[in-house]
Amino acid sequence: MTVELSFFRSETSQRLRAEGHMEGRAEERAESVLRTLKHRGIEVPEAVRKRIVDCADLETLAAWVDLSYTVKSAEELFADYDD
């Protein structure tokens, strides 16, 4: 029996793996933000939690990870990101 493996070497397959990897990294960073805020005893309203979890931009999430160590409220994470 021969198994066709060309899909796994295809550009589409590579793109899907890369997207999955990036999505996983975004989820990890969002979790880091939420865990840090929780550890610091900062309440995270559902709207803030949703915005953090829904964010897919790794640079933004990295900035929020850094800010999560010093903000006094969860909403302060977004101070430089709101219009």
N, C-alpha and C. Protein backbone atom coordinates (compact mmCIF):
# COMPACT_ATOMS: atom_id res chain seq x y z
N MET A 1 0.84 -1.18 0.00
CA MET A 1 0.00 0.00 0.00
C MET A 1 0.88 1.24 0.00
N THR A 2 0.57 2.19 -0.87
CA THR A 2 1.31 3.44 -0.97
C THR A 2 0.45 4.57 -0.40
N VAL A 3 1.07 5.38 0.42
CA VAL A 3 0.37 6.52 1.02
C VAL A 3 0.83 7.79 0.33
N GLU A 4 -0.12 8.58 -0.09
CA GLU A 4 0.17 9.84 -0.76
C GLU A 4 0.49 10.90 0.30
N LEU A 5 1.71 11.43 0.28
CA LEU A 5 2.15 12.40 1.28
C LEU A 5 2.39 13.79 0.72
N SER A 6 2.07 14.00 -0.54
CA SER A 6 2.37 15.29 -1.16
C SER A 6 1.67 16.45 -0.45
N PHE A 7 0.48 16.22 0.07
CA PHE A 7 -0.22 17.31 0.77
C PHE A 7 0.61 17.82 1.93
N PHE A 8 1.25 16.92 2.66
CA PHE A 8 2.00 17.30 3.85
C PHE A 8 3.23 18.14 3.52
N ARG A 9 3.66 18.08 2.26
CA ARG A 9 4.80 18.87 1.81
C ARG A 9 4.33 20.11 1.06
N SER A 10 3.05 20.26 0.87
CA SER A 10 2.52 21.36 0.07
C SER A 10 2.59 22.69 0.80
N GLU A 11 2.50 23.75 0.01
CA GLU A 11 2.50 25.10 0.57
C GLU A 11 1.31 25.31 1.50
N THR A 12 0.18 24.75 1.13
CA THR A 12 -1.02 24.86 1.97
C THR A 12 -0.80 24.21 3.33
N SER A 13 -0.23 23.04 3.33
CA SER A 13 0.04 22.33 4.57
C SER A 13 1.02 23.11 5.44
N GLN A 14 2.06 23.65 4.84
CA GLN A 14 3.03 24.44 5.58
C GLN A 14 2.40 25.69 6.17
N ARG A 15 1.53 26.35 5.38
CA ARG A 15 0.84 27.55 5.86
C ARG A 15 -0.07 27.22 7.03
N LEU A 16 -0.79 26.11 6.94
CA LEU A 16 -1.68 25.71 8.03
C LEU A 16 -0.91 25.39 9.31
N ARG A 17 0.23 24.74 9.17
CA ARG A 17 1.07 24.45 10.35
C ARG A 17 1.57 25.75 10.97
N ALA A 18 2.01 26.69 10.13
CA ALA A 18 2.51 27.97 10.64
C ALA A 18 1.40 28.75 11.35
N GLU A 19 0.21 28.75 10.76
CA GLU A 19 -0.92 29.43 11.39
C GLU A 19 -1.25 28.80 12.74
N GLY A 20 -1.22 27.50 12.79
CA GLY A 20 -1.49 26.79 14.05
C GLY A 20 -0.44 27.12 15.10
N HIS A 21 0.80 27.21 14.67
CA HIS A 21 1.89 27.56 15.59
C HIS A 21 1.70 28.97 16.13
N MET A 22 1.36 29.92 15.24
CA MET A 22 1.16 31.30 15.66
C MET A 22 -0.04 31.41 16.59
N GLU A 23 -1.09 30.68 16.28
CA GLU A 23 -2.28 30.68 17.12
C GLU A 23 -1.94 30.15 18.51
N GLY A 24 -1.15 29.12 18.56
CA GLY A 24 -0.73 28.55 19.84
C GLY A 24 0.09 29.53 20.65
N ARG A 25 0.97 30.26 19.99
CA ARG A 25 1.78 31.27 20.69
C ARG A 25 0.90 32.38 21.21
N ALA A 26 -0.10 32.80 20.43
CA ALA A 26 -1.01 33.86 20.88
C ALA A 26 -1.79 33.38 22.10
N GLU A 27 -2.25 32.15 22.08
CA GLU A 27 -2.99 31.61 23.22
C GLU A 27 -2.13 31.58 24.47
N GLU A 28 -0.86 31.20 24.31
CA GLU A 28 0.06 31.16 25.45
C GLU A 28 0.28 32.55 26.03
N ARG A 29 0.45 33.53 25.17
CA ARG A 29 0.68 34.90 25.66
C ARG A 29 -0.56 35.45 26.34
N ALA A 30 -1.72 35.18 25.77
CA ALA A 30 -2.96 35.64 26.40
C ALA A 30 -3.10 35.01 27.78
N GLU A 31 -2.80 33.73 27.87
CA GLU A 31 -2.86 33.04 29.16
C GLU A 31 -1.87 33.64 30.15
N SER A 32 -0.70 34.04 29.69
CA SER A 32 0.29 34.66 30.57
C SER A 32 -0.23 35.98 31.13
N VAL A 33 -0.88 36.76 30.29
CA VAL A 33 -1.45 38.03 30.75
C VAL A 33 -2.49 37.75 31.84
N LEU A 34 -3.40 36.85 31.56
CA LEU A 34 -4.48 36.56 32.50
C LEU A 34 -3.95 35.96 33.80
N ARG A 35 -2.98 35.07 33.71
CA ARG A 35 -2.41 34.47 34.92
C ARG A 35 -1.69 35.49 35.78
N THR A 36 -0.96 36.38 35.14
CA THR A 36 -0.24 37.41 35.89
C THR A 36 -1.22 38.33 36.61
N LEU A 37 -2.26 38.76 35.90
CA LEU A 37 -3.26 39.63 36.52
C LEU A 37 -3.94 38.91 37.69
N LYS A 38 -4.27 37.65 37.50
CA LYS A 38 -4.90 36.88 38.56
C LYS A 38 -3.96 36.76 39.76
N HIS A 39 -2.72 36.44 39.50
CA HIS A 39 -1.73 36.29 40.58
C HIS A 39 -1.57 37.60 41.36
N ARG A 40 -1.68 38.72 40.66
CA ARG A 40 -1.55 40.02 41.31
C ARG A 40 -2.84 40.46 41.98
N GLY A 41 -3.90 39.67 41.86
CA GLY A 41 -5.17 40.00 42.49
C GLY A 41 -5.98 41.06 41.76
N ILE A 42 -5.70 41.20 40.47
CA ILE A 42 -6.41 42.19 39.66
C ILE A 42 -7.61 41.53 38.99
N GLU A 43 -8.78 42.09 39.23
CA GLU A 43 -10.01 41.57 38.63
C GLU A 43 -10.00 41.82 37.14
N VAL A 44 -10.42 40.83 36.37
CA VAL A 44 -10.47 40.94 34.92
C VAL A 44 -11.93 40.80 34.48
N PRO A 45 -12.56 41.93 34.12
CA PRO A 45 -13.94 41.86 33.62
C PRO A 45 -14.02 41.00 32.36
N GLU A 46 -15.17 40.44 32.12
CA GLU A 46 -15.36 39.54 30.98
C GLU A 46 -15.00 40.21 29.65
N ALA A 47 -15.34 41.49 29.47
CA ALA A 47 -15.03 42.18 28.22
C ALA A 47 -13.51 42.29 28.02
N VAL A 48 -12.77 42.50 29.09
CA VAL A 48 -11.31 42.58 29.01
C VAL A 48 -10.74 41.20 28.71
N ARG A 49 -11.24 40.19 29.41
CA ARG A 49 -10.79 38.82 29.17
C ARG A 49 -10.99 38.44 27.70
N LYS A 50 -12.16 38.77 27.17
CA LYS A 50 -12.47 38.44 25.77
C LYS A 50 -11.52 39.14 24.82
N ARG A 51 -11.24 40.41 25.09
CA ARG A 51 -10.33 41.16 24.21
C ARG A 51 -8.93 40.54 24.23
N ILE A 52 -8.47 40.13 25.39
CA ILE A 52 -7.15 39.52 25.51
C ILE A 52 -7.12 38.18 24.78
N VAL A 53 -8.10 37.35 25.03
CA VAL A 53 -8.15 36.01 24.43
C VAL A 53 -8.35 36.08 22.91
N ASP A 54 -9.10 37.05 22.44
CA ASP A 54 -9.38 37.17 21.01
C ASP A 54 -8.24 37.80 20.21
N CYS A 55 -7.27 38.41 20.90
CA CYS A 55 -6.17 39.07 20.21
C CYS A 55 -5.25 38.03 19.57
N ALA A 56 -4.90 38.24 18.32
CA ALA A 56 -4.02 37.32 17.60
C ALA A 56 -2.68 37.97 17.27
N ASP A 57 -2.52 39.24 17.62
CA ASP A 57 -1.30 39.97 17.31
C ASP A 57 -0.24 39.70 18.38
N LEU A 58 0.83 39.00 18.00
CA LEU A 58 1.84 38.60 18.98
C LEU A 58 2.56 39.79 19.61
N GLU A 59 2.79 40.85 18.85
CA GLU A 59 3.46 42.02 19.41
C GLU A 59 2.59 42.71 20.46
N THR A 60 1.31 42.84 20.17
CA THR A 60 0.38 43.43 21.13
C THR A 60 0.32 42.59 22.39
N LEU A 61 0.20 41.29 22.22
CA LEU A 61 0.14 40.40 23.38
C LEU A 61 1.43 40.46 24.19
N ALA A 62 2.57 40.57 23.53
CA ALA A 62 3.84 40.68 24.25
C ALA A 62 3.86 41.96 25.08
N ALA A 63 3.36 43.04 24.51
CA ALA A 63 3.29 44.31 25.26
C ALA A 63 2.35 44.16 26.46
N TRP A 64 1.23 43.46 26.27
CA TRP A 64 0.30 43.27 27.38
C TRP A 64 0.90 42.38 28.47
N VAL A 65 1.70 41.39 28.06
CA VAL A 65 2.39 40.56 29.06
C VAL A 65 3.26 41.47 29.93
N ASP A 66 4.06 42.33 29.29
CA ASP A 66 4.92 43.24 30.04
C ASP A 66 4.11 44.16 30.95
N LEU A 67 3.05 44.72 30.43
CA LEU A 67 2.22 45.64 31.21
C LEU A 67 1.50 44.95 32.36
N SER A 68 1.20 43.67 32.19
CA SER A 68 0.44 42.96 33.22
C SER A 68 1.17 42.92 34.56
N TYR A 69 2.47 43.17 34.56
CA TYR A 69 3.25 43.18 35.80
C TYR A 69 3.11 44.49 36.57
N THR A 70 2.64 45.55 35.90
CA THR A 70 2.65 46.85 36.55
C THR A 70 1.32 47.59 36.58
N VAL A 71 0.35 47.20 35.75
CA VAL A 71 -0.92 47.93 35.72
C VAL A 71 -1.66 47.79 37.04
N LYS A 72 -2.50 48.78 37.33
CA LYS A 72 -3.31 48.74 38.55
C LYS A 72 -4.71 48.20 38.28
N SER A 73 -5.10 48.18 37.01
CA SER A 73 -6.38 47.59 36.61
C SER A 73 -6.20 46.92 35.27
N ALA A 74 -7.03 45.95 34.99
CA ALA A 74 -6.93 45.21 33.72
C ALA A 74 -7.16 46.14 32.53
N GLU A 75 -8.02 47.11 32.69
CA GLU A 75 -8.32 48.03 31.59
C GLU A 75 -7.11 48.86 31.18
N GLU A 76 -6.17 49.07 32.10
CA GLU A 76 -4.96 49.85 31.80
C GLU A 76 -4.11 49.19 30.70
N LEU A 77 -4.28 47.89 30.50
CA LEU A 77 -3.54 47.22 29.43
C LEU A 77 -3.78 47.89 28.09
N PHE A 78 -4.97 48.42 27.91
CA PHE A 78 -5.40 48.94 26.61
C PHE A 78 -5.16 50.43 26.43
N ALA A 79 -4.55 51.10 27.39
CA ALA A 79 -4.40 52.55 27.36
C ALA A 79 -3.78 53.05 26.05
N ASP A 80 -2.77 52.34 25.55
CA ASP A 80 -2.11 52.77 24.32
C ASP A 80 -2.73 52.16 23.07
N TYR A 81 -3.81 51.39 23.23
CA TYR A 81 -4.41 50.69 22.10
C TYR A 81 -5.82 51.14 21.79
N ASP A 82 -6.37 52.04 22.61
CA ASP A 82 -7.71 52.56 22.36
C ASP A 82 -7.62 53.86 21.58
N ASP A 83 -8.62 54.07 20.76
CA ASP A 83 -8.65 55.30 19.95
C ASP A 83 -9.09 56.47 20.79
